[in-house]
Amino acid sequence: MEDVRDKVKEIKQSFRLMMDGVVAQSMREKGVNYHLNWGATLPRLKAKAEELKAEYASLSPLTSDHSPLYDLAIALWKENVRECKILATMLMPADEMLPGVCDVWMEQIAELEIAEQAAFNLWQHLPYAPVKAYEWIASDKEYYQLCGFHVLSRLFMNGQEPNERGINEFLDQAMAALNGPFWSVRKAALQSVNHFSDLGLVYERMASSALRSISL
């Protein structure tokens, strides 16, 4: 565990080299207030994640059934630092993340950017991604809904067709979201409907009919 703490400290120090005050200031002006935000750009964080994956590829588990990369991701997520949380979503091995841990992370998301990064970097790759996505779009919480629709968008883009029950659930929740209070969710829901339509002509017709029902 000491090795993990030392590595987290080293990673946090590396953020100084990525610091972008303009990006950090822009976020603050938009009301995004992290405890600590170096303003590191996503491409630089992605490069750091690839560097760490290569470094950890040959390491064996020390004290747990999980890979060292899993342990590092867990430790990074616990840091109340923007860059640490984004890196955690990039590093967590999706096939090792249990639903309970996913639930804990989801509950702790407090910023739109982290919700989006989690959805794109991690949630969509989980073995149980569809189950969580449908659970989340039925929530009354903004970031849960946002992540659910983003995940479904990616699944649809990958050609995954929902069953009849999934279709009805998706369209009902998407139409409710499009009339809902959260602009971020409305945007994500509309994107997911568009990707649903791309699954084929039958899906396109179902989506068009649903949108007409709410005068869109």
Protein backbone atom coordinates (compact mmCIF):
# COMPACT_ATOMS: atom_id res chain seq x y z
CA MET A 1 0.00 0.00 0.00
CA GLU A 2 2.93 2.27 0.69
CA ASP A 3 4.07 1.79 -2.89
CA VAL A 4 0.67 2.91 -4.14
CA ARG A 5 0.73 6.02 -1.94
CA ASP A 6 4.21 6.87 -3.18
CA LYS A 7 3.08 6.43 -6.78
CA VAL A 8 0.06 8.67 -6.27
CA LYS A 9 2.32 11.33 -4.78
CA GLU A 10 4.67 11.04 -7.76
CA ILE A 11 1.76 11.29 -10.21
CA LYS A 12 0.36 14.36 -8.43
CA GLN A 13 3.77 16.02 -8.68
CA SER A 14 3.83 15.31 -12.42
CA PHE A 15 0.68 17.41 -12.85
CA ARG A 16 2.77 20.52 -12.25
CA LEU A 17 4.40 19.94 -15.62
CA MET A 18 0.96 19.71 -17.23
CA MET A 19 -0.39 22.80 -15.52
CA ASP A 20 -2.49 25.07 -17.71
CA GLY A 21 -3.65 28.11 -15.81
CA VAL A 22 -5.85 29.31 -18.66
CA VAL A 23 -7.83 26.06 -18.67
CA ALA A 24 -8.13 26.04 -14.88
CA GLN A 25 -9.27 29.67 -14.80
CA SER A 26 -11.82 29.02 -17.57
CA MET A 27 -13.30 26.17 -15.52
CA ARG A 28 -13.55 28.35 -12.43
CA GLU A 29 -15.31 31.06 -14.42
CA LYS A 30 -17.84 28.46 -15.58
CA GLY A 31 -18.55 27.49 -11.99
CA VAL A 32 -16.49 24.29 -11.97
CA ASN A 33 -14.82 24.21 -8.59
CA TYR A 34 -12.52 21.29 -7.87
CA HIS A 35 -10.60 21.14 -4.58
CA LEU A 36 -7.46 21.13 -6.74
CA ASN A 37 -7.34 21.63 -10.50
CA TRP A 38 -4.12 21.90 -12.48
CA GLY A 39 -5.96 22.49 -15.75
CA ALA A 40 -4.19 19.58 -17.46
CA THR A 41 -5.66 18.92 -20.89
CA LEU A 42 -7.30 15.59 -21.67
CA PRO A 43 -4.71 14.60 -24.32
CA ARG A 44 -1.93 15.05 -21.77
CA LEU A 45 -3.83 13.02 -19.19
CA LYS A 46 -4.47 10.31 -21.77
CA ALA A 47 -0.75 10.22 -22.58
CA LYS A 48 -0.01 9.90 -18.86
CA ALA A 49 -2.49 7.06 -18.57
CA GLU A 50 -0.86 5.17 -21.46
CA GLU A 51 2.53 5.69 -19.84
CA LEU A 52 1.26 4.23 -16.56
CA LYS A 53 -0.44 1.28 -18.27
CA ALA A 54 2.84 0.41 -19.98
CA GLU A 55 4.72 0.75 -16.69
CA TYR A 56 2.25 -1.47 -14.81
CA ALA A 57 1.76 -4.08 -17.55
CA SER A 58 4.47 -6.38 -16.22
CA LEU A 59 3.70 -6.00 -12.51
CA SER A 60 2.05 -8.79 -10.52
CA PRO A 61 -0.50 -8.35 -7.70
CA LEU A 62 1.17 -7.84 -4.32
CA THR A 63 -1.45 -8.04 -1.61
CA SER A 64 -4.80 -8.49 -3.35
CA ASP A 65 -6.63 -10.36 -6.05
CA HIS A 66 -6.68 -7.22 -8.13
CA SER A 67 -4.06 -5.98 -10.54
CA PRO A 68 -1.71 -3.20 -9.41
CA LEU A 69 -3.42 -0.92 -11.93
CA TYR A 70 -6.74 -1.48 -10.16
CA ASP A 71 -5.19 -0.57 -6.83
CA LEU A 72 -3.67 2.57 -8.35
CA ALA A 73 -6.99 3.62 -9.89
CA ILE A 74 -8.76 3.15 -6.53
CA ALA A 75 -6.12 5.27 -4.79
CA LEU A 76 -6.27 8.01 -7.42
CA TRP A 77 -10.07 8.20 -7.25
CA LYS A 78 -9.90 8.89 -3.52
CA GLU A 79 -7.92 12.09 -4.18
CA ASN A 80 -10.07 15.19 -4.43
CA VAL A 81 -8.09 16.37 -7.46
CA ARG A 82 -9.53 16.75 -10.95
CA GLU A 83 -6.62 15.12 -12.72
CA CYS A 84 -6.49 12.19 -10.29
CA LYS A 85 -10.14 11.35 -10.82
CA ILE A 86 -9.91 11.55 -14.60
CA LEU A 87 -6.78 9.38 -14.59
CA ALA A 88 -8.59 6.87 -12.38
CA THR A 89 -11.33 6.46 -15.00
CA MET A 90 -8.67 5.95 -17.67
CA LEU A 91 -6.70 3.39 -15.66
CA MET A 92 -9.36 1.24 -13.96
CA PRO A 93 -9.53 -2.19 -15.66
CA ALA A 94 -13.23 -2.47 -16.55
CA ASP A 95 -13.28 -6.24 -16.17
CA GLU A 96 -12.09 -5.96 -12.56
CA MET A 97 -14.54 -3.32 -11.37
CA LEU A 98 -17.35 -4.86 -9.36
CA PRO A 99 -20.84 -3.28 -9.49
CA GLY A 100 -20.55 -2.22 -5.85
CA VAL A 101 -17.39 -0.23 -6.52
CA CYS A 102 -19.02 1.29 -9.59
CA ASP A 103 -21.95 2.39 -7.41
CA VAL A 104 -19.59 4.05 -4.91
CA TRP A 105 -17.76 5.96 -7.63
CA MET A 106 -21.01 7.04 -9.23
CA GLU A 107 -22.30 8.38 -5.91
CA GLN A 108 -19.11 10.41 -5.48
CA ILE A 109 -19.20 12.19 -8.84
CA ALA A 110 -19.71 15.89 -8.21
CA GLU A 111 -18.76 17.49 -11.53
CA LEU A 112 -20.17 17.19 -15.06
CA GLU A 113 -16.72 16.68 -16.55
CA ILE A 114 -15.98 13.72 -14.27
CA ALA A 115 -19.35 12.16 -15.10
CA GLU A 116 -18.62 12.42 -18.83
CA GLN A 117 -15.08 11.11 -18.48
CA ALA A 118 -16.28 8.17 -16.40
CA ALA A 119 -18.92 7.31 -18.99
CA PHE A 120 -16.56 7.48 -21.96
CA ASN A 121 -13.41 6.05 -20.38
CA LEU A 122 -14.87 3.39 -18.13
CA TRP A 123 -18.62 2.88 -17.76
CA GLN A 124 -19.22 1.94 -21.40
CA HIS A 125 -16.62 -0.84 -21.14
CA LEU A 126 -18.02 -2.53 -18.01
CA PRO A 127 -19.24 -6.10 -18.51
CA TYR A 128 -22.58 -5.02 -16.99
CA ALA A 129 -22.74 -1.65 -18.78
CA PRO A 130 -26.29 -2.10 -20.21
CA VAL A 131 -27.71 -3.01 -16.79
CA LYS A 132 -26.21 0.08 -15.16
CA ALA A 133 -27.19 2.32 -18.07
CA TYR A 134 -30.88 1.43 -17.82
CA GLU A 135 -30.73 1.76 -14.05
CA TRP A 136 -29.17 5.21 -14.31
CA ILE A 137 -31.52 6.68 -16.92
CA ALA A 138 -34.41 5.84 -14.56
CA SER A 139 -32.78 7.90 -11.79
CA ASP A 140 -33.86 11.41 -10.86
CA LYS A 141 -30.22 12.52 -10.49
CA GLU A 142 -28.56 14.54 -13.24
CA TYR A 143 -25.20 12.79 -13.45
CA TYR A 144 -26.75 9.32 -13.21
CA GLN A 145 -29.04 10.09 -16.16
CA LEU A 146 -26.22 11.73 -18.07
CA CYS A 147 -23.96 8.69 -17.69
CA GLY A 148 -26.77 6.30 -18.56
CA PHE A 149 -27.57 8.02 -21.84
CA HIS A 150 -23.90 8.41 -22.76
CA VAL A 151 -23.31 4.69 -22.18
CA LEU A 152 -26.36 3.72 -24.23
CA SER A 153 -25.15 6.00 -27.04
CA ARG A 154 -21.87 4.12 -27.15
CA LEU A 155 -23.57 0.74 -27.02
CA PHE A 156 -25.86 1.71 -29.89
CA MET A 157 -22.89 3.05 -31.85
CA ASN A 158 -21.26 -0.37 -31.40
CA GLY A 159 -24.30 -2.04 -32.90
CA GLN A 160 -25.79 -3.42 -29.69
CA GLU A 161 -29.54 -3.68 -30.20
CA PRO A 162 -31.83 -3.59 -27.14
CA ASN A 163 -34.58 -6.15 -26.63
CA GLU A 164 -38.24 -5.14 -26.68
CA ARG A 165 -38.32 -4.29 -23.00
CA GLY A 166 -35.10 -2.28 -23.38
CA ILE A 167 -36.52 -0.38 -26.33
CA ASN A 168 -39.65 0.64 -24.44
CA GLU A 169 -37.67 1.59 -21.32
CA PHE A 170 -35.15 3.59 -23.31
CA LEU A 171 -37.70 5.55 -25.34
CA ASP A 172 -39.88 6.29 -22.28
CA GLN A 173 -36.92 7.58 -20.26
CA ALA A 174 -35.41 9.48 -23.20
CA MET A 175 -38.67 11.33 -23.87
CA ALA A 176 -38.99 12.17 -20.16
CA ALA A 177 -35.39 13.42 -20.14
CA LEU A 178 -35.96 15.60 -23.19
CA ASN A 179 -38.69 17.36 -21.23
CA GLY A 180 -36.64 17.31 -18.04
CA PRO A 181 -34.85 20.07 -16.10
CA PHE A 182 -31.22 19.21 -16.91
CA TRP A 183 -29.75 20.65 -20.12
CA SER A 184 -26.82 18.24 -20.00
CA VAL A 185 -29.19 15.27 -19.81
CA ARG A 186 -31.41 16.63 -22.60
CA LYS A 187 -28.37 16.84 -24.87
CA ALA A 188 -27.16 13.34 -23.94
CA ALA A 189 -30.65 11.89 -24.36
CA LEU A 190 -31.07 13.40 -27.82
CA GLN A 191 -27.68 12.06 -28.88
CA SER A 192 -28.64 8.60 -27.67
CA VAL A 193 -31.93 8.75 -29.60
CA ASN A 194 -30.00 9.67 -32.75
CA HIS A 195 -27.66 6.69 -32.27
CA PHE A 196 -30.67 4.46 -31.54
CA SER A 197 -32.11 5.56 -34.88
CA ASP A 198 -28.88 4.59 -36.63
CA LEU A 199 -29.45 0.93 -35.66
CA GLY A 200 -31.82 0.55 -38.60
CA LEU A 201 -35.01 1.68 -40.27
CA VAL A 202 -37.31 0.08 -37.70
CA TYR A 203 -35.46 1.84 -34.89
CA GLU A 204 -35.53 5.12 -36.80
CA ARG A 205 -39.30 4.88 -37.14
CA MET A 206 -39.77 4.09 -33.44
CA ALA A 207 -37.59 7.05 -32.47
CA SER A 208 -39.42 9.41 -34.85
CA SER A 209 -42.77 8.32 -33.46
CA ALA A 210 -41.60 8.85 -29.89
CA LEU A 211 -40.22 12.31 -30.69
CA ARG A 212 -43.47 13.32 -32.39
CA SER A 213 -45.33 12.30 -29.24
CA ILE A 214 -43.56 15.12 -27.38
CA SER A 215 -43.74 17.53 -30.35
CA LEU A 216 -40.07 17.24 -31.37
